[in-house]
Amino acid sequence: MTAQATKRRRAPAKAPKVPNPRTAQGSSPEAEFRRWTPDEVAALKLLPYTERMIREKCYRRELHFHKDGGRITFTAEDLRLNNQLGAQAPAA
């Protein structure tokens, strides 16, 4: 009798975490200490880029961000500065 290959078990795919939109508003003092990840920033549309574009722009140092323990995070101040970078004067 020959041994047969067994089927590999695959873990079910996890659904991405959807951040709470109320935590992203900068109106509370706690929001000044909050750190957002690139996937949260993209999901909440805090910057006009996809998660992949946000990461690539951070790698090229085109956006303001923090690298906490090797992970890209954004503070409220970083998001304000990044929005000022992308602001354009209205066409006359």
PDB file of N, CA and C in Angstrom:
ATOM      1  N   MET A   1       0.845  -1.179   0.000  1.00  0.00           N
ATOM      2  CA  MET A   1       0.000   0.000   0.000  1.00  0.00           C
ATOM      3  C   MET A   1       0.893   1.247   0.000  1.00  0.00           C
ATOM      4  N   THR A   2       0.600   2.189  -0.863  1.00  0.00           N
ATOM      5  CA  THR A   2       1.387   3.412  -0.963  1.00  0.00           C
ATOM      6  C   THR A   2       0.703   4.535  -0.205  1.00  0.00           C
ATOM      7  N   ALA A   3       1.503   5.444   0.278  1.00  0.00           N
ATOM      8  CA  ALA A   3       0.969   6.582   1.022  1.00  0.00           C
ATOM      9  C   ALA A   3       0.347   7.584   0.059  1.00  0.00           C
ATOM     10  N   GLN A   4      -0.745   8.162   0.486  1.00  0.00           N
ATOM     11  CA  GLN A   4      -1.421   9.172  -0.329  1.00  0.00           C
ATOM     12  C   GLN A   4      -1.197  10.551   0.290  1.00  0.00           C
ATOM     13  N   ALA A   5      -1.091  11.523  -0.565  1.00  0.00           N
ATOM     14  CA  ALA A   5      -0.936  12.901  -0.105  1.00  0.00           C
ATOM     15  C   ALA A   5      -2.233  13.357   0.540  1.00  0.00           C
ATOM     16  N   THR A   6      -2.111  14.043   1.643  1.00  0.00           N
ATOM     17  CA  THR A   6      -3.300  14.565   2.313  1.00  0.00           C
ATOM     18  C   THR A   6      -3.584  15.970   1.821  1.00  0.00           C
ATOM     19  N   LYS A   7      -4.820  16.373   1.919  1.00  0.00           N
ATOM     20  CA  LYS A   7      -5.206  17.723   1.515  1.00  0.00           C
ATOM     21  C   LYS A   7      -4.734  18.711   2.578  1.00  0.00           C
ATOM     22  N   ARG A   8      -4.206  19.816   2.119  1.00  0.00           N
ATOM     23  CA  ARG A   8      -3.778  20.850   3.054  1.00  0.00           C
ATOM     24  C   ARG A   8      -4.983  21.601   3.576  1.00  0.00           C
ATOM     25  N   ARG A   9      -4.948  21.860   4.854  1.00  0.00           N
ATOM     26  CA  ARG A   9      -6.023  22.656   5.448  1.00  0.00           C
ATOM     27  C   ARG A   9      -5.692  24.119   5.269  1.00  0.00           C
ATOM     28  N   ARG A  10      -6.647  24.866   4.884  1.00  0.00           N
ATOM     29  CA  ARG A  10      -6.451  26.302   4.696  1.00  0.00           C
ATOM     30  C   ARG A  10      -7.340  27.049   5.670  1.00  0.00           C
ATOM     31  N   ALA A  11      -6.759  28.031   6.289  1.00  0.00           N
ATOM     32  CA  ALA A  11      -7.521  28.856   7.225  1.00  0.00           C
ATOM     33  C   ALA A  11      -8.492  29.721   6.431  1.00  0.00           C
ATOM     34  N   PRO A  12      -9.681  29.951   6.972  1.00  0.00           N
ATOM     35  CA  PRO A  12     -10.615  30.824   6.264  1.00  0.00           C
ATOM     36  C   PRO A  12     -10.066  32.240   6.183  1.00  0.00           C
ATOM     37  N   ALA A  13     -10.371  32.904   5.097  1.00  0.00           N
ATOM     38  CA  ALA A  13      -9.892  34.275   4.896  1.00  0.00           C
ATOM     39  C   ALA A  13     -10.555  35.203   5.908  1.00  0.00           C
ATOM     40  N   LYS A  14      -9.761  36.063   6.506  1.00  0.00           N
ATOM     41  CA  LYS A  14     -10.283  37.001   7.489  1.00  0.00           C
ATOM     42  C   LYS A  14     -10.760  38.259   6.786  1.00  0.00           C
ATOM     43  N   ALA A  15     -11.869  38.769   7.251  1.00  0.00           N
ATOM     44  CA  ALA A  15     -12.382  40.021   6.712  1.00  0.00           C
ATOM     45  C   ALA A  15     -11.539  41.166   7.270  1.00  0.00           C
ATOM     46  N   PRO A  16     -11.249  42.191   6.457  1.00  0.00           N
ATOM     47  CA  PRO A  16     -10.447  43.309   6.966  1.00  0.00           C
ATOM     48  C   PRO A  16     -11.200  44.070   8.040  1.00  0.00           C
ATOM     49  N   LYS A  17     -10.444  44.590   9.008  1.00  0.00           N
ATOM     50  CA  LYS A  17     -11.051  45.371  10.069  1.00  0.00           C
ATOM     51  C   LYS A  17     -11.505  46.709   9.515  1.00  0.00           C
ATOM     52  N   VAL A  18     -12.728  47.081   9.809  1.00  0.00           N
ATOM     53  CA  VAL A  18     -13.248  48.377   9.387  1.00  0.00           C
ATOM     54  C   VAL A  18     -13.170  49.302  10.592  1.00  0.00           C
ATOM     55  N   PRO A  19     -12.401  50.370  10.500  1.00  0.00           N
ATOM     56  CA  PRO A  19     -12.258  51.262  11.648  1.00  0.00           C
ATOM     57  C   PRO A  19     -13.534  52.037  11.924  1.00  0.00           C
ATOM     58  N   ASN A  20     -13.677  52.452  13.147  1.00  0.00           N
ATOM     59  CA  ASN A  20     -14.829  53.231  13.569  1.00  0.00           C
ATOM     60  C   ASN A  20     -14.668  54.657  13.051  1.00  0.00           C
ATOM     61  N   PRO A  21     -15.598  55.155  12.222  1.00  0.00           N
ATOM     62  CA  PRO A  21     -15.422  56.495  11.654  1.00  0.00           C
ATOM     63  C   PRO A  21     -15.456  57.606  12.703  1.00  0.00           C
ATOM     64  N   ARG A  22     -16.062  57.355  13.866  1.00  0.00           N
ATOM     65  CA  ARG A  22     -16.124  58.399  14.883  1.00  0.00           C
ATOM     66  C   ARG A  22     -14.774  58.661  15.512  1.00  0.00           C
ATOM     67  N   THR A  23     -13.853  57.693  15.479  1.00  0.00           N
ATOM     68  CA  THR A  23     -12.543  57.895  16.097  1.00  0.00           C
ATOM     69  C   THR A  23     -11.619  58.723  15.225  1.00  0.00           C
ATOM     70  N   ALA A  24     -11.956  58.900  13.958  1.00  0.00           N
ATOM     71  CA  ALA A  24     -11.064  59.613  13.046  1.00  0.00           C
ATOM     72  C   ALA A  24     -11.301  61.119  13.040  1.00  0.00           C
ATOM     73  N   GLN A  25     -12.363  61.573  13.686  1.00  0.00           N
ATOM     74  CA  GLN A  25     -12.657  62.994  13.665  1.00  0.00           C
ATOM     75  C   GLN A  25     -11.713  63.721  14.611  1.00  0.00           C
ATOM     76  N   GLY A  26     -11.185  64.823  14.147  1.00  0.00           N
ATOM     77  CA  GLY A  26     -10.209  65.566  14.925  1.00  0.00           C
ATOM     78  C   GLY A  26     -10.819  66.537  15.910  1.00  0.00           C
ATOM     79  N   SER A  27     -12.110  66.450  16.204  1.00  0.00           N
ATOM     80  CA  SER A  27     -12.746  67.425  17.071  1.00  0.00           C
ATOM     81  C   SER A  27     -12.466  67.160  18.549  1.00  0.00           C
ATOM     82  N   SER A  28     -12.124  65.951  18.921  1.00  0.00           N
ATOM     83  CA  SER A  28     -11.892  65.645  20.332  1.00  0.00           C
ATOM     84  C   SER A  28     -10.403  65.730  20.654  1.00  0.00           C
ATOM     85  N   PRO A  29     -10.075  66.047  21.895  1.00  0.00           N
ATOM     86  CA  PRO A  29      -8.656  66.119  22.270  1.00  0.00           C
ATOM     87  C   PRO A  29      -7.959  64.757  22.192  1.00  0.00           C
ATOM     88  N   GLU A  30      -8.729  63.662  22.360  1.00  0.00           N
ATOM     89  CA  GLU A  30      -8.138  62.329  22.269  1.00  0.00           C
ATOM     90  C   GLU A  30      -7.648  62.028  20.858  1.00  0.00           C
ATOM     91  N   ALA A  31      -8.239  62.671  19.865  1.00  0.00           N
ATOM     92  CA  ALA A  31      -7.844  62.408  18.470  1.00  0.00           C
ATOM     93  C   ALA A  31      -6.427  62.906  18.196  1.00  0.00           C
ATOM     94  N   GLU A  32      -5.941  63.858  18.994  1.00  0.00           N
ATOM     95  CA  GLU A  32      -4.581  64.350  18.811  1.00  0.00           C
ATOM     96  C   GLU A  32      -3.540  63.284  19.162  1.00  0.00           C
ATOM     97  N   PHE A  33      -3.905  62.337  20.012  1.00  0.00           N
ATOM     98  CA  PHE A  33      -2.978  61.289  20.419  1.00  0.00           C
ATOM     99  C   PHE A  33      -3.200  59.975  19.673  1.00  0.00           C
ATOM    100  N   ARG A  34      -4.227  59.929  18.850  1.00  0.00           N
ATOM    101  CA  ARG A  34      -4.573  58.713  18.109  1.00  0.00           C
ATOM    102  C   ARG A  34      -3.581  58.517  16.978  1.00  0.00           C
ATOM    103  N   ARG A  35      -3.229  57.260  16.696  1.00  0.00           N
ATOM    104  CA  ARG A  35      -2.375  56.916  15.554  1.00  0.00           C
ATOM    105  C   ARG A  35      -3.191  56.081  14.591  1.00  0.00           C
ATOM    106  N   TRP A  36      -3.165  56.456  13.322  1.00  0.00           N
ATOM    107  CA  TRP A  36      -3.889  55.721  12.294  1.00  0.00           C
ATOM    108  C   TRP A  36      -2.912  54.946  11.423  1.00  0.00           C
ATOM    109  N   THR A  37      -3.306  53.745  11.013  1.00  0.00           N
ATOM    110  CA  THR A  37      -2.501  52.941  10.102  1.00  0.00           C
ATOM    111  C   THR A  37      -2.881  53.302   8.667  1.00  0.00           C
ATOM    112  N   PRO A  38      -2.063  52.930   7.687  1.00  0.00           N
ATOM    113  CA  PRO A  38      -2.410  53.251   6.293  1.00  0.00           C
ATOM    114  C   PRO A  38      -3.743  52.654   5.848  1.00  0.00           C
ATOM    115  N   ASP A  39      -4.099  51.461   6.325  1.00  0.00           N
ATOM    116  CA  ASP A  39      -5.379  50.888   5.912  1.00  0.00           C
ATOM    117  C   ASP A  39      -6.552  51.646   6.512  1.00  0.00           C
ATOM    118  N   GLU A  40      -6.406  52.170   7.745  1.00  0.00           N
ATOM    119  CA  GLU A  40      -7.465  52.981   8.338  1.00  0.00           C
ATOM    120  C   GLU A  40      -7.594  54.317   7.616  1.00  0.00           C
ATOM    121  N   VAL A  41      -6.471  54.912   7.260  1.00  0.00           N
ATOM    122  CA  VAL A  41      -6.488  56.201   6.549  1.00  0.00           C
ATOM    123  C   VAL A  41      -7.176  56.041   5.197  1.00  0.00           C
ATOM    124  N   ALA A  42      -6.892  54.944   4.492  1.00  0.00           N
ATOM    125  CA  ALA A  42      -7.514  54.713   3.186  1.00  0.00           C
ATOM    126  C   ALA A  42      -9.003  54.405   3.333  1.00  0.00           C
ATOM    127  N   ALA A  43      -9.366  53.607   4.340  1.00  0.00           N
ATOM    128  CA  ALA A  43     -10.777  53.235   4.533  1.00  0.00           C
ATOM    129  C   ALA A  43     -11.627  54.440   4.922  1.00  0.00           C
ATOM    130  N   LEU A  44     -11.071  55.335   5.729  1.00  0.00           N
ATOM    131  CA  LEU A  44     -11.812  56.522   6.169  1.00  0.00           C
ATOM    132  C   LEU A  44     -11.688  57.687   5.203  1.00  0.00           C
ATOM    133  N   LYS A  45     -10.914  57.518   4.121  1.00  0.00           N
ATOM    134  CA  LYS A  45     -10.715  58.555   3.110  1.00  0.00           C
ATOM    135  C   LYS A  45     -10.134  59.832   3.712  1.00  0.00           C
ATOM    136  N   LEU A  46      -9.185  59.662   4.658  1.00  0.00           N
ATOM    137  CA  LEU A  46      -8.524  60.817   5.256  1.00  0.00           C
ATOM    138  C   LEU A  46      -7.487  61.406   4.311  1.00  0.00           C
ATOM    139  N   LEU A  47      -7.007  60.613   3.369  1.00  0.00           N
ATOM    140  CA  LEU A  47      -6.127  61.064   2.294  1.00  0.00           C
ATOM    141  C   LEU A  47      -6.686  60.526   0.983  1.00  0.00           C
ATOM    142  N   PRO A  48      -6.470  61.224  -0.124  1.00  0.00           N
ATOM    143  CA  PRO A  48      -7.071  60.795  -1.400  1.00  0.00           C
ATOM    144  C   PRO A  48      -6.274  59.697  -2.118  1.00  0.00           C
ATOM    145  N   TYR A  49      -5.763  58.711  -1.372  1.00  0.00           N
ATOM    146  CA  TYR A  49      -4.969  57.649  -1.954  1.00  0.00           C
ATOM    147  C   TYR A  49      -5.450  56.297  -1.451  1.00  0.00           C
ATOM    148  N   THR A  50      -5.072  55.255  -2.169  1.00  0.00           N
ATOM    149  CA  THR A  50      -5.340  53.898  -1.710  1.00  0.00           C
ATOM    150  C   THR A  50      -4.282  53.522  -0.677  1.00  0.00           C
ATOM    151  N   GLU A  51      -4.508  52.417   0.014  1.00  0.00           N
ATOM    152  CA  GLU A  51      -3.546  51.972   1.027  1.00  0.00           C
ATOM    153  C   GLU A  51      -2.176  51.727   0.409  1.00  0.00           C
ATOM    154  N   ARG A  52      -2.158  51.097  -0.746  1.00  0.00           N
ATOM    155  CA  ARG A  52      -0.889  50.805  -1.411  1.00  0.00           C
ATOM    156  C   ARG A  52      -0.146  52.092  -1.786  1.00  0.00           C
ATOM    157  N   MET A  53      -0.880  53.080  -2.309  1.00  0.00           N
ATOM    158  CA  MET A  53      -0.258  54.351  -2.690  1.00  0.00           C
ATOM    159  C   MET A  53       0.273  55.086  -1.461  1.00  0.00           C
ATOM    160  N   ILE A  54      -0.455  54.992  -0.349  1.00  0.00           N
ATOM    161  CA  ILE A  54      -0.006  55.646   0.881  1.00  0.00           C
ATOM    162  C   ILE A  54       1.317  55.039   1.339  1.00  0.00           C
ATOM    163  N   ARG A  55       1.398  53.701   1.332  1.00  0.00           N
ATOM    164  CA  ARG A  55       2.630  53.034   1.751  1.00  0.00           C
ATOM    165  C   ARG A  55       3.796  53.397   0.825  1.00  0.00           C
ATOM    166  N   GLU A  56       3.542  53.395  -0.482  1.00  0.00           N
ATOM    167  CA  GLU A  56       4.617  53.718  -1.432  1.00  0.00           C
ATOM    168  C   GLU A  56       5.094  55.155  -1.263  1.00  0.00           C
ATOM    169  N   LYS A  57       4.173  56.091  -1.039  1.00  0.00           N
ATOM    170  CA  LYS A  57       4.561  57.485  -0.838  1.00  0.00           C
ATOM    171  C   LYS A  57       5.347  57.653   0.470  1.00  0.00           C
ATOM    172  N   CYS A  58       5.012  56.861   1.476  1.00  0.00           N
ATOM    173  CA  CYS A  58       5.775  56.913   2.724  1.00  0.00           C
ATOM    174  C   CYS A  58       7.180  56.350   2.513  1.00  0.00           C
ATOM    175  N   TYR A  59       7.298  55.261   1.753  1.00  0.00           N
ATOM    176  CA  TYR A  59       8.620  54.689   1.477  1.00  0.00           C
ATOM    177  C   TYR A  59       9.498  55.688   0.733  1.00  0.00           C
ATOM    178  N   ARG A  60       8.887  56.479  -0.161  1.00  0.00           N
ATOM    179  CA  ARG A  60       9.633  57.487  -0.917  1.00  0.00           C
ATOM    180  C   ARG A  60       9.752  58.805  -0.158  1.00  0.00           C
ATOM    181  N   ARG A  61       9.207  58.846   1.054  1.00  0.00           N
ATOM    182  CA  ARG A  61       9.226  60.023   1.925  1.00  0.00           C
ATOM    183  C   ARG A  61       8.536  61.225   1.288  1.00  0.00           C
ATOM    184  N   GLU A  62       7.409  60.971   0.646  1.00  0.00           N
ATOM    185  CA  GLU A  62       6.620  62.048   0.045  1.00  0.00           C
ATOM    186  C   GLU A  62       5.489  62.492   0.958  1.00  0.00           C
ATOM    187  N   LEU A  63       5.228  61.750   2.033  1.00  0.00           N
ATOM    188  CA  LEU A  63       4.189  62.090   2.991  1.00  0.00           C
ATOM    189  C   LEU A  63       4.799  62.197   4.383  1.00  0.00           C
ATOM    190  N   HIS A  64       4.144  62.988   5.252  1.00  0.00           N
ATOM    191  CA  HIS A  64       4.541  63.064   6.650  1.00  0.00           C
ATOM    192  C   HIS A  64       3.948  61.843   7.359  1.00  0.00           C
ATOM    193  N   PHE A  65       4.778  61.124   8.127  1.00  0.00           N
ATOM    194  CA  PHE A  65       4.319  59.959   8.860  1.00  0.00           C
ATOM    195  C   PHE A  65       5.299  59.659   9.978  1.00  0.00           C
ATOM    196  N   HIS A  66       4.949  58.696  10.821  1.00  0.00           N
ATOM    197  CA  HIS A  66       5.845  58.214  11.870  1.00  0.00           C
ATOM    198  C   HIS A  66       6.122  56.744  11.596  1.00  0.00           C
ATOM    199  N   LYS A  67       7.300  56.307  11.968  1.00  0.00           N
ATOM    200  CA  LYS A  67       7.647  54.900  11.796  1.00  0.00           C
ATOM    201  C   LYS A  67       7.833  54.304  13.190  1.00  0.00           C
ATOM    202  N   ASP A  68       6.732  53.950  13.824  1.00  0.00           N
ATOM    203  CA  ASP A  68       6.733  53.430  15.181  1.00  0.00           C
ATOM    204  C   ASP A  68       7.057  51.942  15.167  1.00  0.00           C
ATOM    205  N   GLY A  69       8.242  51.611  15.609  1.00  0.00           N
ATOM    206  CA  GLY A  69       8.635  50.210  15.650  1.00  0.00           C
ATOM    207  C   GLY A  69       8.670  49.575  14.274  1.00  0.00           C
ATOM    208  N   GLY A  70       8.933  50.366  13.244  1.00  0.00           N
ATOM    209  CA  GLY A  70       8.979  49.843  11.884  1.00  0.00           C
ATOM    210  C   GLY A  70       7.637  49.847  11.185  1.00  0.00           C
ATOM    211  N   ARG A  71       6.587  50.333  11.850  1.00  0.00           N
ATOM    212  CA  ARG A  71       5.247  50.384  11.258  1.00  0.00           C
ATOM    213  C   ARG A  71       4.879  51.823  10.931  1.00  0.00           C
ATOM    214  N   ILE A  72       4.256  52.000   9.801  1.00  0.00           N
ATOM    215  CA  ILE A  72       3.852  53.335   9.371  1.00  0.00           C
ATOM    216  C   ILE A  72       2.580  53.729  10.110  1.00  0.00           C
ATOM    217  N   THR A  73       2.607  54.884  10.774  1.00  0.00           N
ATOM    218  CA  THR A  73       1.427  55.416  11.440  1.00  0.00           C
ATOM    219  C   THR A  73       1.320  56.912  11.161  1.00  0.00           C
ATOM    220  N   PHE A  74       0.111  57.422  11.329  1.00  0.00           N
ATOM    221  CA  PHE A  74      -0.161  58.843  11.096  1.00  0.00           C
ATOM    222  C   PHE A  74      -0.818  59.435  12.327  1.00  0.00           C
ATOM    223  N   THR A  75      -0.393  60.635  12.708  1.00  0.00           N
ATOM    224  CA  THR A  75      -1.060  61.386  13.765  1.00  0.00           C
ATOM    225  C   THR A  75      -1.981  62.403  13.098  1.00  0.00           C
ATOM    226  N   ALA A  76      -2.760  63.084  13.904  1.00  0.00           N
ATOM    227  CA  ALA A  76      -3.650  64.113  13.363  1.00  0.00           C
ATOM    228  C   ALA A  76      -2.835  65.219  12.694  1.00  0.00           C
ATOM    229  N   GLU A  77      -1.699  65.569  13.305  1.00  0.00           N
ATOM    230  CA  GLU A  77      -0.836  66.604  12.728  1.00  0.00           C
ATOM    231  C   GLU A  77      -0.270  66.159  11.381  1.00  0.00           C
ATOM    232  N   ASP A  78       0.123  64.895  11.277  1.00  0.00           N
ATOM    233  CA  ASP A  78       0.626  64.365  10.001  1.00  0.00           C
ATOM    234  C   ASP A  78      -0.438  64.474   8.920  1.00  0.00           C
ATOM    235  N   LEU A  79      -1.671  64.130   9.262  1.00  0.00           N
ATOM    236  CA  LEU A  79      -2.760  64.193   8.276  1.00  0.00           C
ATOM    237  C   LEU A  79      -3.019  65.633   7.847  1.00  0.00           C
ATOM    238  N   ARG A  80      -2.943  66.570   8.796  1.00  0.00           N
ATOM    239  CA  ARG A  80      -3.126  67.988   8.440  1.00  0.00           C
ATOM    240  C   ARG A  80      -2.029  68.450   7.481  1.00  0.00           C
ATOM    241  N   LEU A  81      -0.782  68.105   7.787  1.00  0.00           N
ATOM    242  CA  LEU A  81       0.335  68.495   6.920  1.00  0.00           C
ATOM    243  C   LEU A  81       0.214  67.863   5.538  1.00  0.00           C
ATOM    244  N   ASN A  82      -0.204  66.600   5.477  1.00  0.00           N
ATOM    245  CA  ASN A  82      -0.359  65.934   4.185  1.00  0.00           C
ATOM    246  C   ASN A  82      -1.489  66.544   3.371  1.00  0.00           C
ATOM    247  N   ASN A  83      -2.540  66.973   4.037  1.00  0.00           N
ATOM    248  CA  ASN A  83      -3.629  67.627   3.314  1.00  0.00           C
ATOM    249  C   ASN A  83      -3.205  68.992   2.779  1.00  0.00           C
ATOM    250  N   GLN A  84      -2.331  69.684   3.520  1.00  0.00           N
ATOM    251  CA  GLN A  84      -1.815  70.966   3.022  1.00  0.00           C
ATOM    252  C   GLN A  84      -0.908  70.761   1.809  1.00  0.00           C
ATOM    253  N   LEU A  85      -0.172  69.652   1.800  1.00  0.00           N
ATOM    254  CA  LEU A  85       0.697  69.355   0.647  1.00  0.00           C
ATOM    255  C   LEU A  85      -0.122  69.166  -0.618  1.00  0.00           C
ATOM    256  N   GLY A  86      -1.286  68.544  -0.487  1.00  0.00           N
ATOM    257  CA  GLY A  86      -2.103  68.243  -1.655  1.00  0.00           C
ATOM    258  C   GLY A  86      -3.077  69.343  -2.022  1.00  0.00           C
ATOM    259  N   ALA A  87      -3.145  70.392  -1.208  1.00  0.00           N
ATOM    260  CA  ALA A  87      -4.092  71.478  -1.493  1.00  0.00           C
ATOM    261  C   ALA A  87      -3.648  72.248  -2.732  1.00  0.00           C
ATOM    262  N   GLN A  88      -4.595  72.549  -3.585  1.00  0.00           N
ATOM    263  CA  GLN A  88      -4.319  73.301  -4.804  1.00  0.00           C
ATOM    264  C   GLN A  88      -5.221  74.529  -4.842  1.00  0.00           C
ATOM    265  N   ALA A  89      -4.699  75.602  -5.389  1.00  0.00           N
ATOM    266  CA  ALA A  89      -5.499  76.812  -5.540  1.00  0.00           C
ATOM    267  C   ALA A  89      -6.568  76.585  -6.610  1.00  0.00           C
ATOM    268  N   PRO A  90      -7.760  77.125  -6.402  1.00  0.00           N
ATOM    269  CA  PRO A  90      -8.791  76.943  -7.415  1.00  0.00           C
ATOM    270  C   PRO A  90      -8.427  77.627  -8.726  1.00  0.00           C
ATOM    271  N   ALA A  91      -8.815  76.988  -9.818  1.00  0.00           N
ATOM    272  CA  ALA A  91      -8.510  77.543 -11.144  1.00  0.00           C
ATOM    273  C   ALA A  91      -9.333  78.810 -11.371  1.00  0.00           C
ATOM    274  N   ALA A  92      -8.702  79.845 -11.853  1.00  0.00           N
ATOM    275  CA  ALA A  92      -9.387  81.130 -12.058  1.00  0.00           C
ATOM    276  C   ALA A  92     -10.023  81.198 -13.422  1.00  0.00           C
TER     277      ALA A  92
END
